[in-house]
């Protein structure tokens, strides 16, 4: 049975907390696995971001200015990631999108992602758009399922991109 990791937007997931140093995260190697790839790229603000990849079932981590600034999880995770009482990857996609929408006070869709800006959370793959009749199409309904990915960021990470998104709802 996989370990349960609770996702707390703006704070972290499982034992990972935003602001942790790389040394602090390294102490979690028994849970996360060893680093197999690490590279640096420029962020939107031009500051360097270090991306750290571990085994395929562990989150990809992003460090900026010495601290953990982003966490990327996907449906191959060895952890049962939960948001409240909803399994992020184990339940129906509509359920997690609705739970995040409720917590955020709304949802936005654009650039292929569903965004919960107040929580600094984005999802890819859970929602595929609308069918020709306008009904929502979810990952669970697709024959060829893309990766389901959740990105947790620090507050304000998505603010520069909000003009690329439009309101959407997954309630009901």
N, C-alpha and C. Protein backbone atom coordinates (compact mmCIF):
# COMPACT_ATOMS: atom_id res chain seq x y z
N UNK A 1 0.85 -1.18 0.00
CA UNK A 1 0.00 0.00 0.00
C UNK A 1 0.90 1.24 0.00
N UNK A 2 0.64 2.17 -0.93
CA UNK A 2 1.52 3.35 -1.01
C UNK A 2 1.34 4.30 0.19
N UNK A 3 2.41 4.99 0.51
CA UNK A 3 2.35 6.00 1.56
C UNK A 3 1.44 7.14 1.11
N UNK A 4 0.68 7.69 2.04
CA UNK A 4 -0.21 8.82 1.74
C UNK A 4 0.57 10.12 1.94
N UNK A 5 0.56 10.96 0.94
CA UNK A 5 1.15 12.29 1.02
C UNK A 5 0.03 13.31 0.87
N UNK A 6 -0.11 14.18 1.82
CA UNK A 6 -1.13 15.21 1.76
C UNK A 6 -0.60 16.42 1.00
N UNK A 7 -1.38 16.88 0.05
CA UNK A 7 -1.05 18.07 -0.74
C UNK A 7 -1.67 19.29 -0.06
N UNK A 8 -0.83 20.23 0.32
CA UNK A 8 -1.29 21.47 0.95
C UNK A 8 -0.81 22.63 0.08
N UNK A 9 -1.67 23.15 -0.79
CA UNK A 9 -1.24 24.25 -1.65
C UNK A 9 -0.60 25.39 -0.85
N UNK A 10 0.39 26.00 -1.44
CA UNK A 10 1.17 27.12 -0.89
C UNK A 10 2.09 26.67 0.26
N UNK A 11 2.03 25.39 0.64
CA UNK A 11 2.87 24.85 1.71
C UNK A 11 3.78 23.75 1.19
N UNK A 12 3.19 22.74 0.53
CA UNK A 12 3.97 21.63 0.01
C UNK A 12 3.14 20.37 -0.11
N UNK A 13 3.83 19.23 -0.17
CA UNK A 13 3.17 17.93 -0.26
C UNK A 13 4.02 16.93 0.50
N UNK A 14 3.36 16.03 1.25
CA UNK A 14 4.09 15.06 2.05
C UNK A 14 5.08 15.80 2.94
N UNK A 15 6.32 15.32 3.01
CA UNK A 15 7.32 15.99 3.84
C UNK A 15 7.99 17.19 3.15
N UNK A 16 7.69 17.41 1.88
CA UNK A 16 8.30 18.52 1.14
C UNK A 16 7.58 19.83 1.45
N UNK A 17 8.35 20.84 1.81
CA UNK A 17 7.80 22.16 2.13
C UNK A 17 8.54 23.22 1.34
N UNK A 18 7.78 24.17 0.80
CA UNK A 18 8.41 25.25 0.05
C UNK A 18 9.41 25.97 0.94
N UNK A 19 10.54 26.32 0.36
CA UNK A 19 11.60 27.01 1.08
C UNK A 19 12.66 26.07 1.62
N UNK A 20 12.40 24.75 1.62
CA UNK A 20 13.41 23.80 2.09
C UNK A 20 14.67 23.95 1.24
N UNK A 21 15.83 23.82 1.87
CA UNK A 21 17.08 23.85 1.12
C UNK A 21 17.28 22.52 0.39
N UNK A 22 18.21 22.50 -0.55
CA UNK A 22 18.53 21.26 -1.24
C UNK A 22 19.07 20.23 -0.25
N UNK A 23 19.80 20.68 0.76
CA UNK A 23 20.31 19.76 1.78
C UNK A 23 19.17 19.15 2.59
N UNK A 24 18.16 19.96 2.92
CA UNK A 24 16.99 19.44 3.65
C UNK A 24 16.27 18.38 2.81
N UNK A 25 16.12 18.65 1.53
CA UNK A 25 15.45 17.70 0.64
C UNK A 25 16.29 16.43 0.49
N UNK A 26 17.61 16.58 0.43
CA UNK A 26 18.50 15.42 0.29
C UNK A 26 18.31 14.44 1.46
N UNK A 27 17.93 14.93 2.61
CA UNK A 27 17.69 14.06 3.77
C UNK A 27 16.47 13.15 3.57
N UNK A 28 15.67 13.44 2.55
CA UNK A 28 14.48 12.64 2.25
C UNK A 28 14.75 11.60 1.16
N UNK A 29 16.03 11.36 0.87
CA UNK A 29 16.39 10.46 -0.23
C UNK A 29 15.77 9.08 -0.08
N UNK A 30 15.59 8.59 1.13
CA UNK A 30 15.00 7.26 1.31
C UNK A 30 13.56 7.22 0.79
N UNK A 31 12.86 8.35 0.83
CA UNK A 31 11.50 8.43 0.29
C UNK A 31 11.50 8.79 -1.19
N UNK A 32 12.42 9.66 -1.59
CA UNK A 32 12.39 10.23 -2.93
C UNK A 32 13.28 9.51 -3.94
N UNK A 33 14.27 8.79 -3.47
CA UNK A 33 15.26 8.20 -4.37
C UNK A 33 16.38 9.19 -4.62
N UNK A 34 17.44 8.69 -5.20
CA UNK A 34 18.61 9.52 -5.48
C UNK A 34 18.37 10.41 -6.70
N UNK A 35 19.04 11.55 -6.74
CA UNK A 35 18.96 12.45 -7.89
C UNK A 35 19.66 11.77 -9.07
N UNK A 36 18.97 11.68 -10.22
CA UNK A 36 19.63 11.13 -11.40
C UNK A 36 19.87 12.19 -12.46
N UNK A 37 19.22 13.33 -12.34
CA UNK A 37 19.46 14.42 -13.28
C UNK A 37 19.19 15.74 -12.59
N UNK A 38 20.03 16.71 -12.90
CA UNK A 38 19.85 18.05 -12.34
C UNK A 38 20.37 19.04 -13.36
N UNK A 39 19.58 20.06 -13.63
CA UNK A 39 20.06 21.11 -14.53
C UNK A 39 19.47 22.44 -14.12
N UNK A 40 20.07 23.50 -14.65
CA UNK A 40 19.66 24.86 -14.32
C UNK A 40 19.15 25.54 -15.58
N UNK A 41 18.06 26.29 -15.43
CA UNK A 41 17.50 27.09 -16.52
C UNK A 41 17.06 28.43 -15.95
N UNK A 42 16.87 29.39 -16.82
CA UNK A 42 16.42 30.71 -16.37
C UNK A 42 14.90 30.69 -16.20
N UNK A 43 14.44 31.25 -15.08
CA UNK A 43 13.01 31.39 -14.85
C UNK A 43 12.46 32.57 -15.63
N UNK A 44 11.15 32.79 -15.54
CA UNK A 44 10.50 33.90 -16.25
C UNK A 44 11.10 35.24 -15.84
N UNK A 45 11.61 35.32 -14.62
CA UNK A 45 12.21 36.57 -14.14
C UNK A 45 13.72 36.63 -14.41
N UNK A 46 14.24 35.63 -15.13
CA UNK A 46 15.66 35.60 -15.46
C UNK A 46 16.53 34.97 -14.39
N UNK A 47 15.99 34.71 -13.23
CA UNK A 47 16.77 34.10 -12.15
C UNK A 47 16.88 32.59 -12.39
N UNK A 48 18.00 31.99 -12.00
CA UNK A 48 18.18 30.55 -12.26
C UNK A 48 17.25 29.69 -11.40
N UNK A 49 16.76 28.64 -12.04
CA UNK A 49 15.95 27.62 -11.38
C UNK A 49 16.66 26.29 -11.57
N UNK A 50 16.90 25.59 -10.48
CA UNK A 50 17.50 24.26 -10.55
C UNK A 50 16.37 23.25 -10.55
N UNK A 51 16.38 22.37 -11.54
CA UNK A 51 15.40 21.30 -11.63
C UNK A 51 16.09 20.00 -11.26
N UNK A 52 15.47 19.24 -10.36
CA UNK A 52 16.04 18.01 -9.85
C UNK A 52 15.08 16.86 -10.13
N UNK A 53 15.55 15.86 -10.86
CA UNK A 53 14.74 14.68 -11.15
C UNK A 53 15.30 13.48 -10.41
N UNK A 54 14.39 12.70 -9.89
CA UNK A 54 14.76 11.47 -9.19
C UNK A 54 14.14 10.31 -9.95
N UNK A 55 13.81 9.21 -9.32
CA UNK A 55 13.22 8.12 -10.10
C UNK A 55 11.85 8.52 -10.64
N UNK A 56 11.34 7.72 -11.55
CA UNK A 56 10.12 8.05 -12.28
C UNK A 56 8.87 8.13 -11.40
N UNK A 57 8.92 7.60 -10.19
CA UNK A 57 7.76 7.60 -9.31
C UNK A 57 7.85 8.66 -8.22
N UNK A 58 8.84 9.56 -8.33
CA UNK A 58 9.03 10.62 -7.34
C UNK A 58 8.77 11.97 -7.99
N UNK A 59 8.43 12.98 -7.20
CA UNK A 59 8.19 14.30 -7.79
C UNK A 59 9.45 14.91 -8.37
N UNK A 60 9.26 15.74 -9.38
CA UNK A 60 10.34 16.57 -9.91
C UNK A 60 10.32 17.84 -9.06
N UNK A 61 11.50 18.29 -8.63
CA UNK A 61 11.59 19.42 -7.71
C UNK A 61 12.32 20.58 -8.37
N UNK A 62 11.89 21.79 -8.00
CA UNK A 62 12.47 23.01 -8.54
C UNK A 62 12.93 23.88 -7.37
N UNK A 63 14.16 24.39 -7.49
CA UNK A 63 14.75 25.23 -6.45
C UNK A 63 15.10 26.59 -7.05
N UNK A 64 14.72 27.63 -6.34
CA UNK A 64 15.03 28.99 -6.76
C UNK A 64 15.54 29.75 -5.55
N UNK A 65 16.61 30.48 -5.74
CA UNK A 65 17.22 31.27 -4.67
C UNK A 65 17.47 30.43 -3.42
N UNK A 66 17.93 29.18 -3.64
CA UNK A 66 18.33 28.32 -2.54
C UNK A 66 17.24 27.52 -1.87
N UNK A 67 15.98 27.75 -2.24
CA UNK A 67 14.89 27.03 -1.58
C UNK A 67 13.96 26.33 -2.56
N UNK A 68 13.28 25.30 -2.07
CA UNK A 68 12.30 24.57 -2.88
C UNK A 68 11.18 25.53 -3.28
N UNK A 69 10.96 25.66 -4.59
CA UNK A 69 9.96 26.62 -5.08
C UNK A 69 8.86 25.99 -5.92
N UNK A 70 9.04 24.74 -6.34
CA UNK A 70 8.03 24.08 -7.15
C UNK A 70 8.12 22.57 -7.01
N UNK A 71 6.97 21.92 -7.10
CA UNK A 71 6.88 20.47 -6.98
C UNK A 71 5.97 19.98 -8.10
N UNK A 72 6.48 19.05 -8.90
CA UNK A 72 5.68 18.49 -10.00
C UNK A 72 5.44 17.01 -9.73
N UNK A 73 4.18 16.63 -9.67
CA UNK A 73 3.76 15.25 -9.42
C UNK A 73 3.05 14.73 -10.65
N UNK A 74 3.13 13.42 -10.89
CA UNK A 74 2.33 12.85 -11.96
C UNK A 74 1.68 11.55 -11.51
N UNK A 75 0.83 11.01 -12.39
CA UNK A 75 0.03 9.85 -12.01
C UNK A 75 0.84 8.58 -11.82
N UNK A 76 2.13 8.61 -12.10
CA UNK A 76 2.99 7.45 -11.85
C UNK A 76 3.59 7.47 -10.44
N UNK A 77 3.22 8.45 -9.65
CA UNK A 77 3.79 8.61 -8.31
C UNK A 77 3.58 7.37 -7.45
N UNK A 78 4.59 7.02 -6.69
CA UNK A 78 4.47 5.88 -5.77
C UNK A 78 3.69 6.25 -4.52
N UNK A 79 3.34 7.53 -4.37
CA UNK A 79 2.61 8.01 -3.20
C UNK A 79 1.14 8.18 -3.55
N UNK A 80 0.28 7.94 -2.59
CA UNK A 80 -1.14 8.26 -2.74
C UNK A 80 -1.27 9.72 -2.34
N UNK A 81 -1.22 10.60 -3.32
CA UNK A 81 -1.29 12.04 -3.06
C UNK A 81 -2.75 12.41 -2.86
N UNK A 82 -3.03 13.09 -1.74
CA UNK A 82 -4.41 13.45 -1.40
C UNK A 82 -4.53 14.94 -1.17
N UNK A 83 -5.66 15.46 -1.61
CA UNK A 83 -6.04 16.84 -1.34
C UNK A 83 -7.35 16.74 -0.57
N UNK A 84 -7.29 17.02 0.73
CA UNK A 84 -8.45 16.76 1.58
C UNK A 84 -8.72 15.28 1.58
N UNK A 85 -9.96 14.89 1.28
CA UNK A 85 -10.30 13.47 1.26
C UNK A 85 -10.32 12.90 -0.16
N UNK A 86 -9.77 13.65 -1.13
CA UNK A 86 -9.79 13.22 -2.53
C UNK A 86 -8.40 12.74 -2.93
N UNK A 87 -8.33 11.56 -3.54
CA UNK A 87 -7.06 11.06 -4.08
C UNK A 87 -6.80 11.78 -5.40
N UNK A 88 -5.68 12.48 -5.47
CA UNK A 88 -5.37 13.31 -6.64
C UNK A 88 -5.28 12.47 -7.92
N UNK A 89 -4.64 11.32 -7.85
CA UNK A 89 -4.47 10.49 -9.04
C UNK A 89 -5.30 9.21 -9.01
N UNK A 90 -5.87 8.86 -7.86
CA UNK A 90 -6.60 7.61 -7.73
C UNK A 90 -8.09 7.71 -8.01
N UNK A 91 -8.65 8.90 -7.97
CA UNK A 91 -10.07 9.07 -8.20
C UNK A 91 -10.35 9.63 -9.59
N UNK A 92 -11.60 9.96 -9.84
CA UNK A 92 -11.99 10.54 -11.13
C UNK A 92 -11.45 11.97 -11.23
N UNK A 93 -11.00 12.32 -12.39
CA UNK A 93 -10.41 13.65 -12.62
C UNK A 93 -11.35 14.78 -12.22
N UNK A 94 -12.65 14.63 -12.51
CA UNK A 94 -13.61 15.67 -12.15
C UNK A 94 -13.60 15.93 -10.64
N UNK A 95 -13.43 14.89 -9.84
CA UNK A 95 -13.47 15.04 -8.38
C UNK A 95 -12.34 15.93 -7.87
N UNK A 96 -11.12 15.71 -8.34
CA UNK A 96 -10.02 16.53 -7.86
C UNK A 96 -10.13 17.95 -8.41
N UNK A 97 -10.55 18.10 -9.66
CA UNK A 97 -10.71 19.45 -10.22
C UNK A 97 -11.79 20.22 -9.46
N UNK A 98 -12.89 19.57 -9.11
CA UNK A 98 -13.96 20.23 -8.35
C UNK A 98 -13.48 20.59 -6.94
N UNK A 99 -12.72 19.70 -6.31
CA UNK A 99 -12.22 19.98 -4.96
C UNK A 99 -11.26 21.17 -4.98
N UNK A 100 -10.38 21.22 -5.97
CA UNK A 100 -9.46 22.36 -6.08
C UNK A 100 -10.21 23.64 -6.41
N UNK A 101 -11.22 23.53 -7.28
CA UNK A 101 -12.04 24.71 -7.61
C UNK A 101 -12.73 25.24 -6.37
N UNK A 102 -13.31 24.36 -5.57
CA UNK A 102 -13.98 24.80 -4.33
C UNK A 102 -13.00 25.50 -3.40
N UNK A 103 -11.84 24.92 -3.22
CA UNK A 103 -10.84 25.51 -2.31
C UNK A 103 -10.30 26.84 -2.82
N UNK A 104 -10.20 26.96 -4.13
CA UNK A 104 -9.64 28.16 -4.74
C UNK A 104 -10.68 29.26 -4.92
N UNK A 105 -11.95 28.88 -5.00
CA UNK A 105 -13.00 29.86 -5.30
C UNK A 105 -13.19 30.07 -6.79
N UNK A 106 -12.73 29.14 -7.60
CA UNK A 106 -12.86 29.22 -9.05
C UNK A 106 -11.75 28.45 -9.73
N UNK A 107 -11.91 28.28 -11.04
CA UNK A 107 -10.92 27.59 -11.86
C UNK A 107 -10.76 28.33 -13.17
N UNK A 108 -9.60 28.21 -13.77
CA UNK A 108 -9.31 28.82 -15.06
C UNK A 108 -8.77 27.75 -16.00
N UNK A 109 -9.05 27.88 -17.30
CA UNK A 109 -8.54 26.94 -18.29
C UNK A 109 -7.87 27.71 -19.41
N UNK A 110 -6.71 27.24 -19.81
CA UNK A 110 -6.00 27.82 -20.94
C UNK A 110 -4.65 27.15 -21.10
N UNK A 111 -4.09 27.30 -22.28
CA UNK A 111 -2.77 26.72 -22.56
C UNK A 111 -2.72 25.23 -22.23
N UNK A 112 -3.88 24.56 -22.33
CA UNK A 112 -3.95 23.12 -22.07
C UNK A 112 -3.96 22.73 -20.61
N UNK A 113 -4.03 23.71 -19.72
CA UNK A 113 -3.97 23.42 -18.28
C UNK A 113 -5.17 24.02 -17.56
N UNK A 114 -5.51 23.40 -16.44
CA UNK A 114 -6.50 23.98 -15.53
C UNK A 114 -5.70 24.60 -14.39
N UNK A 115 -6.00 25.86 -14.11
CA UNK A 115 -5.22 26.64 -13.15
C UNK A 115 -6.10 27.07 -11.98
N UNK A 116 -5.52 26.95 -10.80
CA UNK A 116 -6.14 27.41 -9.56
C UNK A 116 -5.16 28.43 -8.99
N UNK A 117 -5.23 29.65 -9.49
CA UNK A 117 -4.20 30.67 -9.25
C UNK A 117 -4.03 31.02 -7.78
N UNK A 118 -5.12 31.12 -7.03
CA UNK A 118 -5.01 31.46 -5.61
C UNK A 118 -4.30 30.40 -4.80
N UNK A 119 -4.35 29.15 -5.27
CA UNK A 119 -3.67 28.05 -4.61
C UNK A 119 -2.28 27.81 -5.20
N UNK A 120 -1.99 28.49 -6.32
CA UNK A 120 -0.74 28.29 -7.07
C UNK A 120 -0.58 26.82 -7.47
N UNK A 121 -1.67 26.25 -8.00
CA UNK A 121 -1.70 24.87 -8.47
C UNK A 121 -2.18 24.86 -9.91
N UNK A 122 -1.51 24.08 -10.75
CA UNK A 122 -2.01 23.85 -12.10
C UNK A 122 -2.05 22.35 -12.36
N UNK A 123 -2.96 21.95 -13.24
CA UNK A 123 -3.08 20.54 -13.62
C UNK A 123 -3.03 20.44 -15.13
N UNK A 124 -2.44 19.38 -15.60
CA UNK A 124 -2.42 19.05 -17.03
C UNK A 124 -2.89 17.62 -17.18
N UNK A 125 -3.67 17.36 -18.23
CA UNK A 125 -4.10 16.01 -18.53
C UNK A 125 -5.39 15.57 -17.88
N UNK A 126 -5.82 16.21 -16.82
CA UNK A 126 -7.05 15.83 -16.15
C UNK A 126 -8.27 16.18 -17.00
N UNK A 127 -8.22 17.31 -17.69
CA UNK A 127 -9.33 17.83 -18.49
C UNK A 127 -8.83 18.01 -19.91
N UNK A 128 -9.53 17.42 -20.87
CA UNK A 128 -9.10 17.46 -22.26
C UNK A 128 -9.88 18.45 -23.11
N UNK A 129 -10.81 19.19 -22.52
CA UNK A 129 -11.63 20.13 -23.29
C UNK A 129 -13.05 19.63 -23.38
N UNK A 130 -13.75 20.12 -24.38
CA UNK A 130 -15.15 19.76 -24.56
C UNK A 130 -15.33 18.97 -25.85
N UNK A 131 -16.31 18.06 -25.83
CA UNK A 131 -16.63 17.31 -27.04
C UNK A 131 -17.47 18.20 -27.96
N UNK A 132 -17.82 17.74 -29.17
CA UNK A 132 -18.58 18.59 -30.11
C UNK A 132 -19.92 19.09 -29.57
N UNK A 133 -20.49 18.40 -28.59
CA UNK A 133 -21.75 18.83 -28.00
C UNK A 133 -21.53 19.76 -26.81
N UNK A 134 -20.28 20.03 -26.47
CA UNK A 134 -19.97 20.94 -25.38
C UNK A 134 -19.81 20.27 -24.02
N UNK A 135 -19.90 18.95 -23.97
CA UNK A 135 -19.74 18.23 -22.70
C UNK A 135 -18.25 18.11 -22.37
N UNK A 136 -17.90 18.20 -21.09
CA UNK A 136 -16.49 18.08 -20.72
C UNK A 136 -15.95 16.68 -20.98
N UNK A 137 -14.69 16.63 -21.39
CA UNK A 137 -14.01 15.36 -21.61
C UNK A 137 -12.86 15.29 -20.60
N UNK A 138 -12.88 14.24 -19.79
CA UNK A 138 -11.87 14.06 -18.76
C UNK A 138 -10.92 12.93 -19.13
N UNK A 139 -9.76 12.94 -18.49
CA UNK A 139 -8.73 11.93 -18.70
C UNK A 139 -9.32 10.53 -18.62
N UNK A 140 -10.20 10.33 -17.65
CA UNK A 140 -10.79 9.02 -17.39
C UNK A 140 -11.61 8.51 -18.58
N UNK A 141 -12.05 9.43 -19.47
CA UNK A 141 -12.90 9.08 -20.60
C UNK A 141 -12.11 8.90 -21.90
N UNK A 142 -10.80 9.12 -21.87
CA UNK A 142 -9.98 9.07 -23.08
C UNK A 142 -9.43 7.66 -23.31
N UNK A 143 -9.43 7.20 -24.56
CA UNK A 143 -8.83 5.89 -24.84
C UNK A 143 -7.30 5.93 -24.76
N UNK A 144 -6.70 7.02 -25.20
CA UNK A 144 -5.24 7.19 -25.16
C UNK A 144 -4.94 8.27 -24.13
N UNK A 145 -4.65 7.85 -22.93
CA UNK A 145 -4.54 8.78 -21.80
C UNK A 145 -3.16 9.44 -21.71
N UNK A 146 -3.14 10.77 -21.76
CA UNK A 146 -1.87 11.48 -21.57
C UNK A 146 -1.47 11.44 -20.09
N UNK A 147 -0.29 11.93 -19.80
CA UNK A 147 0.14 12.01 -18.40
C UNK A 147 -0.75 12.99 -17.65
N UNK A 148 -1.11 12.62 -16.42
CA UNK A 148 -1.79 13.54 -15.51
C UNK A 148 -0.72 14.15 -14.62
N UNK A 149 -0.64 15.48 -14.62
CA UNK A 149 0.42 16.18 -13.90
C UNK A 149 -0.19 17.28 -13.03
N UNK A 150 0.33 17.42 -11.81
CA UNK A 150 -0.05 18.51 -10.92
C UNK A 150 1.22 19.27 -10.56
N UNK A 151 1.17 20.58 -10.71
CA UNK A 151 2.28 21.45 -10.33
C UNK A 151 1.86 22.31 -9.15
N UNK A 152 2.65 22.25 -8.09
CA UNK A 152 2.44 23.12 -6.92
C UNK A 152 3.56 24.16 -6.95
N UNK A 153 3.19 25.40 -6.81
CA UNK A 153 4.16 26.49 -6.85
C UNK A 153 4.00 27.37 -5.62
N UNK A 154 4.88 28.33 -5.52
CA UNK A 154 4.78 29.32 -4.45
C UNK A 154 3.80 30.41 -4.88
N UNK A 155 3.24 31.10 -3.93
CA UNK A 155 2.24 32.14 -4.18
C UNK A 155 2.68 33.10 -5.29
N UNK A 156 1.75 33.39 -6.20
CA UNK A 156 1.99 34.36 -7.26
C UNK A 156 2.70 33.83 -8.48
N UNK A 157 3.07 32.56 -8.50
CA UNK A 157 3.85 32.01 -9.61
C UNK A 157 3.14 32.14 -10.95
N UNK A 158 1.81 32.08 -10.96
CA UNK A 158 1.07 32.10 -12.21
C UNK A 158 0.54 33.49 -12.57
N UNK A 159 0.70 34.45 -11.70
CA UNK A 159 0.14 35.79 -11.93
C UNK A 159 0.49 36.39 -13.29
N UNK A 160 1.74 36.27 -13.78
CA UNK A 160 2.05 36.88 -15.08
C UNK A 160 1.33 36.25 -16.27
N UNK A 161 0.71 35.10 -16.07
CA UNK A 161 0.10 34.36 -17.18
C UNK A 161 -1.43 34.34 -17.17
N UNK A 162 -2.04 34.99 -16.21
CA UNK A 162 -3.49 34.89 -16.04
C UNK A 162 -4.28 35.34 -17.25
N UNK A 163 -3.76 36.26 -18.04
CA UNK A 163 -4.49 36.73 -19.23
C UNK A 163 -4.67 35.63 -20.28
N UNK A 164 -3.95 34.54 -20.14
CA UNK A 164 -4.05 33.41 -21.09
C UNK A 164 -5.11 32.37 -20.69
N UNK A 165 -5.85 32.65 -19.64
CA UNK A 165 -6.82 31.69 -19.10
C UNK A 165 -8.22 32.30 -19.03
N UNK A 166 -9.22 31.41 -19.11
CA UNK A 166 -10.62 31.83 -18.99
C UNK A 166 -11.30 31.00 -17.91
N UNK A 167 -12.33 31.55 -17.31
CA UNK A 167 -13.03 30.84 -16.24
C UNK A 167 -13.69 29.57 -16.75
N UNK A 168 -13.70 28.56 -15.90
CA UNK A 168 -14.34 27.29 -16.18
C UNK A 168 -14.83 26.72 -14.85
N UNK A 169 -15.79 25.80 -14.90
CA UNK A 169 -16.24 25.19 -13.65
C UNK A 169 -16.40 23.68 -13.81
N UNK A 170 -16.07 22.97 -12.75
CA UNK A 170 -16.19 21.53 -12.72
C UNK A 170 -17.21 21.07 -11.68
N UNK A 171 -17.93 21.99 -11.12
CA UNK A 171 -18.95 21.66 -10.12
C UNK A 171 -20.17 21.08 -10.80
N UNK A 172 -20.77 20.09 -10.13
CA UNK A 172 -22.00 19.50 -10.65
C UNK A 172 -21.76 18.71 -11.82
